Every structure is written in structure tokens, then in C-alpha cells.
Amino acid sequence: MSMAGAPVRRDTARLLVLDPDGRILLFRFTPPDRAPFWATPGGAVDPGEDFPAAARRELFEETGIVADPGAPVNIRMNQYHAFWGEEVLAEERYFLVRAPSADIDISGHEPIEREVMTSHRWFAHHELGAADETIFPEDIADLLLAALKERT
């Protein structure tokens, strides 16, 4: 039994998806209770799933891309207030995926995603620190550089 106000555990597979030009895919979220922000594709690890399986599923659902995400390039804990109202504590594992093209298929988005994930864009690395709106994770430029070094 959790105490009132205690965060809900929601482990998450996050995806650093790069197109052939090395740009990273971000989705723009427009929740009703806060300013718009950008974030990587990804989502909760479902019961019975491990992180790589969740990464594969989320990658396909959110982008239409079928790929093996490999091993995580970053693991961290994050606590945040989710746009559906819960306080969340998540173990986030980031996976690096190289997309074959910049074309994605968002037809697999769930209704809540269609509501709040209103657009997507491929960002060049130098654009990450100069965006007008917040990008999560806030250290995404450094995270991406570290992931690329690990995979070369």
C-alpha cells in the first residue's frame, strides 16, 4: 500500500532515434496543464516485458520502425509530474536506434498520444541547446554525444 502522494513507479524505455543525417527525433507534447515541451519517443514497460522488449514495442508503435534497440546507452532515475496527473518515479533506460530514413509512421499512436503529441521533428545536435521550448531530458545533447561515443 502506498502513502497518499507517494510517486507511482512507472519504468520507461526511451528511444534516441537518429535519421541517416544524424538528427534526433523528438515529439512535441501539448498537455493541458503546462507549457508545450519536446521529448524522445518511448513509454512504460508493460507487465511481463523487459526494457528491450518495451523499447522495440514503443519504437514500432510511435514511429513504425522495426529495429533491435540493443543494450541501453543510459540508465537513470527520474521523478516527474505526469500530464495525466500522477507523480511518477521511473527508471528510464535509453536506447540508441538508427532509422533507415526520416519517414515515420504515427498511425500506431494511442488516443492519449494523438491528443498531446501534436507534432514531431528531427533536430540537428546543434539545435538541441537552442530550442525555444523545453526538451526532456534537459541534458539530451550530452546524453546523445555519450551514446554515440559508446556505439562507435
N, C-alpha and C. Protein backbone atom coordinates (compact mmCIF):
# COMPACT_ATOMS: atom_id res chain seq x y z
N MET A 1 0.86 -1.18 0.00
CA MET A 1 0.00 0.00 0.00
C MET A 1 0.90 1.24 0.00
N SER A 2 0.62 2.17 -0.91
CA SER A 2 1.44 3.38 -0.98
C SER A 2 0.78 4.51 -0.20
N MET A 3 1.62 5.39 0.29
CA MET A 3 1.11 6.54 1.03
C MET A 3 0.51 7.54 0.05
N ALA A 4 -0.43 8.32 0.54
CA ALA A 4 -1.03 9.36 -0.31
C ALA A 4 0.07 10.29 -0.80
N GLY A 5 0.07 10.56 -2.07
CA GLY A 5 1.05 11.47 -2.64
C GLY A 5 2.37 10.82 -3.01
N ALA A 6 2.55 9.55 -2.62
CA ALA A 6 3.79 8.86 -2.98
C ALA A 6 3.80 8.63 -4.50
N PRO A 7 4.96 8.75 -5.12
CA PRO A 7 5.01 8.57 -6.57
C PRO A 7 4.67 7.14 -6.98
N VAL A 8 4.08 7.02 -8.15
CA VAL A 8 3.78 5.73 -8.76
C VAL A 8 5.00 5.30 -9.55
N ARG A 9 5.41 4.05 -9.41
CA ARG A 9 6.56 3.54 -10.17
C ARG A 9 6.11 3.25 -11.59
N ARG A 10 6.84 3.78 -12.58
CA ARG A 10 6.49 3.58 -13.99
C ARG A 10 7.78 3.51 -14.79
N ASP A 11 8.40 2.34 -14.81
CA ASP A 11 9.66 2.19 -15.54
C ASP A 11 9.42 2.40 -17.04
N THR A 12 10.41 3.01 -17.69
CA THR A 12 10.21 3.51 -19.04
C THR A 12 11.39 3.20 -19.95
N ALA A 13 11.07 2.79 -21.17
CA ALA A 13 12.08 2.65 -22.23
C ALA A 13 11.99 3.90 -23.10
N ARG A 14 13.10 4.63 -23.23
CA ARG A 14 13.15 5.85 -24.04
C ARG A 14 14.05 5.59 -25.24
N LEU A 15 13.77 6.26 -26.34
CA LEU A 15 14.47 5.99 -27.59
C LEU A 15 15.14 7.24 -28.16
N LEU A 16 16.42 7.11 -28.41
CA LEU A 16 17.18 8.14 -29.11
C LEU A 16 17.24 7.68 -30.56
N VAL A 17 16.29 8.16 -31.38
CA VAL A 17 16.16 7.72 -32.76
C VAL A 17 16.86 8.72 -33.67
N LEU A 18 17.85 8.24 -34.42
CA LEU A 18 18.60 9.11 -35.33
C LEU A 18 18.28 8.76 -36.77
N ASP A 19 18.12 9.79 -37.60
CA ASP A 19 17.90 9.56 -39.03
C ASP A 19 19.28 9.43 -39.71
N PRO A 20 19.31 9.13 -41.01
CA PRO A 20 20.61 8.96 -41.69
C PRO A 20 21.51 10.20 -41.64
N ASP A 21 20.93 11.39 -41.40
CA ASP A 21 21.73 12.61 -41.28
C ASP A 21 22.20 12.87 -39.86
N GLY A 22 21.88 11.95 -38.92
CA GLY A 22 22.32 12.12 -37.53
C GLY A 22 21.42 13.01 -36.70
N ARG A 23 20.26 13.36 -37.23
CA ARG A 23 19.32 14.19 -36.47
C ARG A 23 18.49 13.29 -35.55
N ILE A 24 18.09 13.83 -34.38
CA ILE A 24 17.33 13.05 -33.41
C ILE A 24 15.84 13.40 -33.50
N LEU A 25 15.01 12.36 -33.38
CA LEU A 25 13.55 12.53 -33.45
C LEU A 25 13.00 12.91 -32.08
N LEU A 26 12.23 13.99 -32.05
CA LEU A 26 11.53 14.39 -30.83
C LEU A 26 10.07 14.65 -31.16
N PHE A 27 9.21 14.34 -30.18
CA PHE A 27 7.79 14.63 -30.30
C PHE A 27 7.46 15.84 -29.46
N ARG A 28 6.55 16.68 -29.98
CA ARG A 28 6.10 17.86 -29.24
C ARG A 28 4.83 17.51 -28.48
N PHE A 29 4.89 17.68 -27.17
CA PHE A 29 3.75 17.42 -26.29
C PHE A 29 3.08 18.73 -25.93
N THR A 30 1.75 18.74 -25.99
CA THR A 30 0.99 19.95 -25.63
C THR A 30 -0.05 19.57 -24.58
N PRO A 31 0.41 19.26 -23.34
CA PRO A 31 -0.54 18.90 -22.29
C PRO A 31 -1.36 20.11 -21.87
N PRO A 32 -2.56 19.88 -21.34
CA PRO A 32 -3.44 20.99 -20.98
C PRO A 32 -2.97 21.80 -19.78
N ASP A 33 -2.10 21.23 -18.95
CA ASP A 33 -1.77 21.87 -17.68
C ASP A 33 -0.40 22.53 -17.62
N ARG A 34 0.31 22.61 -18.75
CA ARG A 34 1.64 23.22 -18.72
C ARG A 34 2.08 23.61 -20.13
N ALA A 35 3.22 24.28 -20.20
CA ALA A 35 3.74 24.73 -21.49
C ALA A 35 4.13 23.53 -22.35
N PRO A 36 4.03 23.68 -23.67
CA PRO A 36 4.46 22.59 -24.56
C PRO A 36 5.93 22.24 -24.32
N PHE A 37 6.27 20.99 -24.59
CA PHE A 37 7.65 20.54 -24.47
C PHE A 37 7.91 19.44 -25.49
N TRP A 38 9.18 19.14 -25.69
CA TRP A 38 9.62 18.11 -26.64
C TRP A 38 10.22 16.96 -25.84
N ALA A 39 10.05 15.73 -26.33
CA ALA A 39 10.62 14.57 -25.65
C ALA A 39 10.88 13.46 -26.65
N THR A 40 11.70 12.54 -26.25
CA THR A 40 12.03 11.39 -27.08
C THR A 40 10.84 10.43 -27.14
N PRO A 41 10.77 9.61 -28.18
CA PRO A 41 9.77 8.54 -28.19
C PRO A 41 10.06 7.58 -27.03
N GLY A 42 9.04 6.86 -26.63
CA GLY A 42 9.22 5.86 -25.58
C GLY A 42 7.99 5.78 -24.71
N GLY A 43 8.03 4.84 -23.77
CA GLY A 43 6.89 4.67 -22.89
C GLY A 43 7.14 3.60 -21.86
N ALA A 44 6.09 3.32 -21.11
CA ALA A 44 6.18 2.42 -19.97
C ALA A 44 6.51 0.99 -20.37
N VAL A 45 7.23 0.34 -19.48
CA VAL A 45 7.47 -1.09 -19.59
C VAL A 45 6.21 -1.78 -19.06
N ASP A 46 5.57 -2.56 -19.92
CA ASP A 46 4.33 -3.25 -19.53
C ASP A 46 4.64 -4.48 -18.68
N PRO A 47 3.66 -4.93 -17.89
CA PRO A 47 3.86 -6.15 -17.09
C PRO A 47 4.30 -7.31 -17.99
N GLY A 48 5.31 -8.06 -17.55
CA GLY A 48 5.81 -9.20 -18.31
C GLY A 48 6.84 -8.82 -19.37
N GLU A 49 7.08 -7.53 -19.57
CA GLU A 49 8.04 -7.05 -20.57
C GLU A 49 9.37 -6.72 -19.88
N ASP A 50 10.47 -6.85 -20.62
CA ASP A 50 11.72 -6.29 -20.12
C ASP A 50 11.96 -4.97 -20.89
N PHE A 51 13.00 -4.26 -20.52
CA PHE A 51 13.24 -2.95 -21.14
C PHE A 51 13.47 -3.05 -22.66
N PRO A 52 14.29 -4.00 -23.16
CA PRO A 52 14.47 -4.07 -24.61
C PRO A 52 13.16 -4.38 -25.36
N ALA A 53 12.32 -5.25 -24.79
CA ALA A 53 11.04 -5.55 -25.44
C ALA A 53 10.15 -4.30 -25.47
N ALA A 54 10.13 -3.55 -24.37
CA ALA A 54 9.35 -2.31 -24.33
C ALA A 54 9.90 -1.31 -25.35
N ALA A 55 11.22 -1.22 -25.46
CA ALA A 55 11.84 -0.31 -26.43
C ALA A 55 11.44 -0.69 -27.86
N ARG A 56 11.48 -1.98 -28.19
CA ARG A 56 11.08 -2.44 -29.53
C ARG A 56 9.61 -2.09 -29.80
N ARG A 57 8.74 -2.39 -28.82
CA ARG A 57 7.31 -2.14 -28.99
C ARG A 57 7.02 -0.65 -29.14
N GLU A 58 7.58 0.17 -28.24
CA GLU A 58 7.35 1.62 -28.30
C GLU A 58 7.89 2.21 -29.59
N LEU A 59 9.05 1.74 -30.03
CA LEU A 59 9.63 2.22 -31.28
C LEU A 59 8.66 1.99 -32.43
N PHE A 60 8.10 0.77 -32.49
CA PHE A 60 7.17 0.46 -33.57
C PHE A 60 5.87 1.24 -33.43
N GLU A 61 5.30 1.29 -32.22
CA GLU A 61 4.02 1.99 -32.03
C GLU A 61 4.12 3.48 -32.34
N GLU A 62 5.23 4.10 -31.94
CA GLU A 62 5.33 5.55 -32.06
C GLU A 62 5.97 6.02 -33.36
N THR A 63 6.73 5.14 -34.05
CA THR A 63 7.42 5.57 -35.27
C THR A 63 7.20 4.66 -36.46
N GLY A 64 6.69 3.45 -36.25
CA GLY A 64 6.54 2.48 -37.32
C GLY A 64 7.85 1.78 -37.68
N ILE A 65 8.93 2.08 -36.96
CA ILE A 65 10.23 1.50 -37.25
C ILE A 65 10.37 0.16 -36.52
N VAL A 66 10.83 -0.85 -37.25
CA VAL A 66 11.12 -2.16 -36.66
C VAL A 66 12.64 -2.27 -36.57
N ALA A 67 13.16 -2.36 -35.33
CA ALA A 67 14.61 -2.45 -35.14
C ALA A 67 14.89 -3.05 -33.78
N ASP A 68 16.07 -3.65 -33.65
CA ASP A 68 16.53 -4.15 -32.37
C ASP A 68 17.25 -3.00 -31.66
N PRO A 69 16.75 -2.58 -30.50
CA PRO A 69 17.36 -1.42 -29.84
C PRO A 69 18.71 -1.72 -29.21
N GLY A 70 19.10 -3.00 -29.09
CA GLY A 70 20.38 -3.32 -28.48
C GLY A 70 20.36 -3.05 -26.98
N ALA A 71 21.53 -2.84 -26.41
CA ALA A 71 21.66 -2.58 -24.98
C ALA A 71 21.41 -1.10 -24.70
N PRO A 72 20.93 -0.78 -23.50
CA PRO A 72 20.72 0.64 -23.18
C PRO A 72 22.04 1.41 -23.17
N VAL A 73 21.97 2.67 -23.60
CA VAL A 73 23.15 3.54 -23.60
C VAL A 73 23.17 4.45 -22.39
N ASN A 74 22.06 4.47 -21.62
CA ASN A 74 21.99 5.27 -20.41
C ASN A 74 20.87 4.72 -19.53
N ILE A 75 21.10 4.72 -18.23
CA ILE A 75 20.08 4.33 -17.25
C ILE A 75 20.08 5.38 -16.16
N ARG A 76 18.89 5.87 -15.82
CA ARG A 76 18.78 6.90 -14.77
C ARG A 76 17.42 6.80 -14.10
N MET A 77 17.33 7.40 -12.94
CA MET A 77 16.05 7.53 -12.24
C MET A 77 15.52 8.94 -12.49
N ASN A 78 14.21 9.05 -12.62
CA ASN A 78 13.58 10.34 -12.88
C ASN A 78 12.26 10.40 -12.13
N GLN A 79 12.02 11.50 -11.45
CA GLN A 79 10.72 11.72 -10.83
C GLN A 79 10.11 12.96 -11.47
N TYR A 80 8.84 12.84 -11.86
CA TYR A 80 8.18 13.95 -12.55
C TYR A 80 6.68 13.89 -12.33
N HIS A 81 6.02 15.01 -12.63
CA HIS A 81 4.56 15.08 -12.57
C HIS A 81 4.05 14.83 -13.99
N ALA A 82 3.40 13.67 -14.16
CA ALA A 82 2.92 13.30 -15.48
C ALA A 82 1.72 14.15 -15.89
N PHE A 83 1.55 14.31 -17.21
CA PHE A 83 0.46 15.18 -17.68
C PHE A 83 -0.91 14.59 -17.41
N TRP A 84 -1.01 13.31 -17.01
CA TRP A 84 -2.30 12.74 -16.64
C TRP A 84 -2.56 12.85 -15.15
N GLY A 85 -1.65 13.55 -14.41
CA GLY A 85 -1.93 13.92 -13.03
C GLY A 85 -1.17 13.18 -11.96
N GLU A 86 -0.48 12.08 -12.29
CA GLU A 86 0.24 11.32 -11.28
C GLU A 86 1.64 11.86 -11.06
N GLU A 87 2.12 11.68 -9.84
CA GLU A 87 3.53 11.88 -9.56
C GLU A 87 4.19 10.53 -9.87
N VAL A 88 5.23 10.54 -10.70
CA VAL A 88 5.81 9.30 -11.21
C VAL A 88 7.29 9.21 -10.83
N LEU A 89 7.69 8.01 -10.42
CA LEU A 89 9.11 7.69 -10.25
C LEU A 89 9.43 6.62 -11.28
N ALA A 90 10.39 6.90 -12.15
CA ALA A 90 10.69 5.98 -13.25
C ALA A 90 12.16 5.66 -13.33
N GLU A 91 12.45 4.37 -13.53
CA GLU A 91 13.77 4.01 -14.02
C GLU A 91 13.66 4.14 -15.53
N GLU A 92 14.48 5.00 -16.11
CA GLU A 92 14.46 5.23 -17.56
C GLU A 92 15.72 4.63 -18.16
N ARG A 93 15.50 3.80 -19.16
CA ARG A 93 16.64 3.25 -19.91
C ARG A 93 16.53 3.77 -21.34
N TYR A 94 17.62 4.39 -21.79
CA TYR A 94 17.67 4.98 -23.12
C TYR A 94 18.35 4.04 -24.10
N PHE A 95 17.75 3.90 -25.28
CA PHE A 95 18.26 3.04 -26.34
C PHE A 95 18.53 3.89 -27.58
N LEU A 96 19.63 3.63 -28.25
CA LEU A 96 20.00 4.35 -29.47
C LEU A 96 19.58 3.52 -30.69
N VAL A 97 18.81 4.13 -31.58
CA VAL A 97 18.33 3.45 -32.78
C VAL A 97 18.62 4.33 -33.99
N ARG A 98 19.19 3.72 -35.02
CA ARG A 98 19.44 4.45 -36.27
C ARG A 98 18.34 4.08 -37.26
N ALA A 99 17.54 5.07 -37.61
CA ALA A 99 16.41 4.85 -38.53
C ALA A 99 16.92 4.82 -39.96
N PRO A 100 16.31 3.99 -40.81
CA PRO A 100 16.74 3.92 -42.20
C PRO A 100 16.41 5.17 -43.01
N SER A 101 15.43 5.96 -42.55
CA SER A 101 15.08 7.21 -43.23
C SER A 101 14.43 8.14 -42.20
N ALA A 102 14.10 9.35 -42.65
CA ALA A 102 13.43 10.30 -41.76
C ALA A 102 11.91 10.14 -41.82
N ASP A 103 11.43 9.15 -42.56
CA ASP A 103 9.99 8.90 -42.64
C ASP A 103 9.55 8.07 -41.46
N ILE A 104 8.53 8.52 -40.75
CA ILE A 104 7.98 7.71 -39.66
C ILE A 104 6.48 7.55 -39.86
N ASP A 105 5.94 6.55 -39.19
CA ASP A 105 4.51 6.23 -39.26
C ASP A 105 3.94 6.37 -37.86
N ILE A 106 3.05 7.34 -37.66
CA ILE A 106 2.48 7.57 -36.33
C ILE A 106 1.08 6.97 -36.20
N SER A 107 0.70 6.10 -37.11
CA SER A 107 -0.65 5.52 -37.06
C SER A 107 -0.85 4.61 -35.85
N GLY A 108 0.25 4.17 -35.21
CA GLY A 108 0.14 3.32 -34.03
C GLY A 108 -0.02 4.08 -32.73
N HIS A 109 -0.11 5.41 -32.79
CA HIS A 109 -0.26 6.20 -31.57
C HIS A 109 -1.59 5.90 -30.89
N GLU A 110 -1.54 5.82 -29.56
CA GLU A 110 -2.75 5.62 -28.76
C GLU A 110 -3.53 6.93 -28.70
N PRO A 111 -4.83 6.88 -28.33
CA PRO A 111 -5.64 8.10 -28.29
C PRO A 111 -5.02 9.23 -27.46
N ILE A 112 -4.47 8.92 -26.27
CA ILE A 112 -3.87 9.98 -25.44
C ILE A 112 -2.66 10.57 -26.16
N GLU A 113 -1.91 9.75 -26.89
CA GLU A 113 -0.76 10.26 -27.63
C GLU A 113 -1.21 11.17 -28.77
N ARG A 114 -2.28 10.80 -29.45
CA ARG A 114 -2.80 11.65 -30.53
C ARG A 114 -3.23 13.01 -29.99
N GLU A 115 -3.74 13.01 -28.75
CA GLU A 115 -4.21 14.25 -28.14
C GLU A 115 -3.07 15.19 -27.77
N VAL A 116 -2.00 14.65 -27.18
CA VAL A 116 -0.96 15.52 -26.63
C VAL A 116 0.34 15.54 -27.44
N MET A 117 0.58 14.52 -28.28
CA MET A 117 1.78 14.51 -29.11
C MET A 117 1.40 15.06 -30.48
N THR A 118 1.36 16.39 -30.56
CA THR A 118 0.74 17.03 -31.72
C THR A 118 1.63 17.12 -32.95
N SER A 119 2.93 16.97 -32.78
CA SER A 119 3.81 17.02 -33.94
C SER A 119 5.14 16.37 -33.59
N HIS A 120 5.98 16.20 -34.60
CA HIS A 120 7.32 15.67 -34.38
C HIS A 120 8.29 16.41 -35.30
N ARG A 121 9.55 16.31 -34.96
CA ARG A 121 10.57 16.99 -35.74
C ARG A 121 11.91 16.31 -35.52
N TRP A 122 12.74 16.34 -36.52
CA TRP A 122 14.11 15.85 -36.41
C TRP A 122 15.01 17.05 -36.09
N PHE A 123 15.74 16.97 -34.98
CA PHE A 123 16.61 18.05 -34.53
C PHE A 123 18.07 17.70 -34.80
N ALA A 124 18.80 18.63 -35.42
CA ALA A 124 20.25 18.50 -35.52
C ALA A 124 20.82 18.72 -34.12
N HIS A 125 21.99 18.14 -33.85
CA HIS A 125 22.56 18.24 -32.50
C HIS A 125 22.69 19.69 -32.03
N HIS A 126 23.15 20.58 -32.91
CA HIS A 126 23.35 21.98 -32.50
C HIS A 126 22.03 22.69 -32.19
N GLU A 127 20.90 22.16 -32.64
CA GLU A 127 19.61 22.78 -32.36
C GLU A 127 19.07 22.43 -30.97
N LEU A 128 19.61 21.38 -30.36
CA LEU A 128 19.07 20.90 -29.09
C LEU A 128 19.20 21.93 -27.96
N GLY A 129 20.30 22.64 -27.93
CA GLY A 129 20.51 23.64 -26.88
C GLY A 129 19.88 24.98 -27.19
N ALA A 130 19.35 25.14 -28.40
CA ALA A 130 18.83 26.44 -28.83
C ALA A 130 17.32 26.43 -29.05
N ALA A 131 16.65 25.38 -28.61
CA ALA A 131 15.20 25.27 -28.84
C ALA A 131 14.45 26.30 -28.00
N ASP A 132 13.35 26.81 -28.55
CA ASP A 132 12.52 27.79 -27.84
C ASP A 132 11.72 27.15 -26.72
N GLU A 133 11.46 25.84 -26.81
CA GLU A 133 10.67 25.14 -25.82
C GLU A 133 11.54 24.09 -25.12
N THR A 134 11.15 23.71 -23.93
CA THR A 134 11.92 22.75 -23.14
C THR A 134 11.98 21.40 -23.86
N ILE A 135 13.14 20.77 -23.77
CA ILE A 135 13.33 19.42 -24.28
C ILE A 135 13.67 18.53 -23.09
N PHE A 136 13.01 17.39 -23.01
CA PHE A 136 13.32 16.41 -21.96
C PHE A 136 13.93 15.17 -22.60
N PRO A 137 15.00 14.60 -22.03
CA PRO A 137 15.66 15.10 -20.83
C PRO A 137 16.42 16.38 -21.13
N GLU A 138 16.60 17.19 -20.11
CA GLU A 138 17.20 18.51 -20.33
C GLU A 138 18.66 18.43 -20.74
N ASP A 139 19.31 17.29 -20.46
CA ASP A 139 20.71 17.10 -20.88
C ASP A 139 20.81 16.24 -22.13
N ILE A 140 19.79 16.31 -22.99
CA ILE A 140 19.73 15.42 -24.15
C ILE A 140 20.95 15.55 -25.08
N ALA A 141 21.49 16.74 -25.24
CA ALA A 141 22.64 16.92 -26.14
C ALA A 141 23.84 16.12 -25.61
N ASP A 142 24.10 16.20 -24.31
CA ASP A 142 25.20 15.45 -23.71
C ASP A 142 24.92 13.95 -23.72
N LEU A 143 23.67 13.58 -23.44
CA LEU A 143 23.27 12.18 -23.45
C LEU A 143 23.51 11.56 -24.83
N LEU A 144 23.14 12.30 -25.87
CA LEU A 144 23.31 11.82 -27.23
C LEU A 144 24.79 11.67 -27.59
N LEU A 145 25.59 12.65 -27.23
CA LEU A 145 27.04 12.56 -27.51
C LEU A 145 27.66 11.35 -26.82
N ALA A 146 27.30 11.12 -25.55
CA ALA A 146 27.83 9.98 -24.81
C ALA A 146 27.38 8.67 -25.45
N ALA A 147 26.13 8.60 -25.90
CA ALA A 147 25.60 7.39 -26.53
C ALA A 147 26.34 7.12 -27.84
N LEU A 148 26.60 8.16 -28.61
CA LEU A 148 27.30 7.98 -29.88
C LEU A 148 28.74 7.52 -29.66
N LYS A 149 29.40 8.05 -28.62
CA LYS A 149 30.78 7.62 -28.31
C LYS A 149 30.79 6.15 -27.92
N GLU A 150 29.77 5.73 -27.14
CA GLU A 150 29.71 4.35 -26.67
C GLU A 150 29.52 3.39 -27.84
N ARG A 151 28.80 3.84 -28.88
CA ARG A 151 28.47 2.95 -30.00
C ARG A 151 29.41 3.05 -31.19
N THR A 152 30.52 3.79 -31.05
CA THR A 152 31.47 3.87 -32.18
C THR A 152 32.64 2.96 -31.97
